[in-house]
Amino acid sequence: MKASDGYLKIVEWSEEDNCYIGSCPGLMLGGVHGSDETEVYRKLSQTVEEWIEICRKDGVPLPEATAGREYSGKFVLRVGRDLHKTLAIEALRQNESLNTYCMNLLRENTTPYGTK
């Protein structure tokens, strides 16, 4: 396994840029772009390899891997008192627990690997 295999690589279409954009969140800022999805992924993979090599040469520690992670299904979110109150009241109006209400809001406004 190569070190780059530990990092999630994403290639997605950008309406704004009218091309495919490849990124590696958690490892490097920026990315690569182009009109061919497969070529963008190939260039992204090569760029990630080069980035890791530069980090190693410069003695910069690599961030935690992003691919193949396990998720517990729990996370803590601080929202402030006012938003907490608003969400709790709306959950009561919907006859749902605060957890279920917030989970449904997130689900309705999120697609796999991004937002609507």
Protein backbone atom coordinates (compact mmCIF):
# COMPACT_ATOMS: atom_id res chain seq x y z
CA MET A 1 0.00 0.00 0.00
CA LYS A 2 1.28 3.45 -0.93
CA ALA A 3 1.09 6.29 1.57
CA SER A 4 -1.25 8.12 -0.80
CA ASP A 5 -3.77 5.26 -0.50
CA GLY A 6 -4.50 6.53 3.00
CA TYR A 7 -6.00 9.76 1.70
CA LEU A 8 -9.45 10.31 0.25
CA LYS A 9 -9.29 11.67 -3.29
CA ILE A 10 -12.41 13.37 -4.64
CA VAL A 11 -13.18 14.23 -8.25
CA GLU A 12 -16.40 16.13 -8.86
CA TRP A 13 -17.96 18.23 -11.58
CA SER A 14 -17.98 21.99 -11.01
CA GLU A 15 -20.78 23.87 -12.76
CA GLU A 16 -19.08 27.13 -11.83
CA ASP A 17 -15.76 26.16 -13.45
CA ASN A 18 -17.32 23.95 -16.14
CA CYS A 19 -14.78 21.19 -15.50
CA TYR A 20 -13.88 18.37 -13.12
CA ILE A 21 -12.10 19.39 -9.92
CA GLY A 22 -9.94 16.92 -8.01
CA SER A 23 -9.06 17.49 -4.36
CA CYS A 24 -7.54 15.66 -1.40
CA PRO A 25 -9.12 17.19 1.71
CA GLY A 26 -7.11 16.92 4.87
CA LEU A 27 -3.80 16.55 3.05
CA MET A 28 -3.38 19.51 0.72
CA LEU A 29 -5.10 22.72 -0.28
CA GLY A 30 -6.02 23.22 -3.89
CA GLY A 31 -6.19 20.45 -6.42
CA VAL A 32 -6.27 19.73 -10.11
CA HIS A 33 -8.86 20.33 -12.80
CA GLY A 34 -9.69 19.29 -16.35
CA SER A 35 -12.37 18.19 -18.77
CA ASP A 36 -11.78 14.42 -18.44
CA GLU A 37 -12.78 12.84 -15.12
CA THR A 38 -10.34 9.91 -15.41
CA GLU A 39 -7.44 12.18 -16.33
CA VAL A 40 -8.22 14.50 -13.41
CA TYR A 41 -8.13 11.52 -11.04
CA ARG A 42 -4.82 10.35 -12.50
CA LYS A 43 -3.31 13.84 -12.14
CA LEU A 44 -4.72 14.14 -8.62
CA SER A 45 -3.17 10.80 -7.59
CA GLN A 46 0.18 11.89 -8.98
CA THR A 47 -0.05 15.27 -7.23
CA VAL A 48 -0.86 13.58 -3.91
CA GLU A 49 2.19 11.30 -4.31
CA GLU A 50 4.37 14.34 -5.01
CA TRP A 51 2.91 16.25 -2.07
CA ILE A 52 3.65 13.37 0.31
CA GLU A 53 7.21 13.14 -1.00
CA ILE A 54 7.75 16.88 -0.47
CA CYS A 55 6.42 16.61 3.09
CA ARG A 56 8.77 13.72 3.81
CA LYS A 57 11.80 15.53 2.33
CA ASP A 58 10.98 18.67 4.33
CA GLY A 59 10.41 16.68 7.53
CA VAL A 60 6.79 17.79 7.73
CA PRO A 61 4.59 15.18 9.43
CA LEU A 62 1.74 13.87 7.34
CA PRO A 63 -1.78 14.49 8.62
CA GLU A 64 -3.97 11.62 9.79
CA ALA A 65 -5.23 9.43 6.96
CA THR A 66 -8.69 10.26 5.63
CA ALA A 67 -9.51 7.11 3.63
CA GLY A 68 -10.97 3.99 5.21
CA ARG A 69 -11.90 5.73 8.44
CA GLU A 70 -14.52 4.30 10.73
CA TYR A 71 -17.22 6.66 11.99
CA SER A 72 -19.01 6.23 15.31
CA GLY A 73 -22.19 8.02 14.26
CA LYS A 74 -21.68 10.62 17.01
CA PHE A 75 -20.17 14.08 17.01
CA VAL A 76 -20.44 17.11 19.27
CA LEU A 77 -21.68 20.34 17.75
CA ARG A 78 -21.70 23.65 19.59
CA VAL A 79 -24.49 25.86 18.23
CA GLY A 80 -24.94 28.62 20.78
CA ARG A 81 -27.80 29.11 23.22
CA ASP A 82 -30.21 30.86 20.85
CA LEU A 83 -29.95 28.27 18.08
CA HIS A 84 -30.14 25.46 20.65
CA LYS A 85 -33.38 26.94 21.98
CA THR A 86 -34.81 27.42 18.47
CA LEU A 87 -33.98 23.84 17.49
CA ALA A 88 -35.35 22.41 20.75
CA ILE A 89 -38.65 24.31 20.36
CA GLU A 90 -39.04 23.26 16.72
CA ALA A 91 -38.32 19.64 17.69
CA LEU A 92 -41.10 19.84 20.27
CA ARG A 93 -43.44 21.28 17.62
CA GLN A 94 -42.61 18.34 15.36
CA ASN A 95 -43.09 15.90 18.26
CA GLU A 96 -39.51 14.66 17.80
CA SER A 97 -36.49 14.44 20.03
CA LEU A 98 -33.91 17.15 19.47
CA ASN A 99 -31.51 14.50 18.16
CA THR A 100 -34.02 13.12 15.63
CA TYR A 101 -35.07 16.60 14.53
CA CYS A 102 -31.46 17.72 13.91
CA MET A 103 -30.57 14.42 12.22
CA ASN A 104 -33.51 14.83 9.84
CA LEU A 105 -32.49 18.44 9.08
CA LEU A 106 -28.97 17.32 8.26
CA ARG A 107 -30.20 14.42 6.14
CA GLU A 108 -32.59 16.66 4.17
CA ASN A 109 -29.85 19.17 3.41
CA THR A 110 -26.94 16.87 2.69
CA THR A 111 -26.11 14.54 -0.17
CA PRO A 112 -23.38 11.92 0.06
CA TYR A 113 -20.03 13.74 0.25
CA GLY A 114 -21.48 17.23 0.05
CA THR A 115 -24.41 19.55 0.51
CA LYS A 116 -27.33 20.29 -1.76
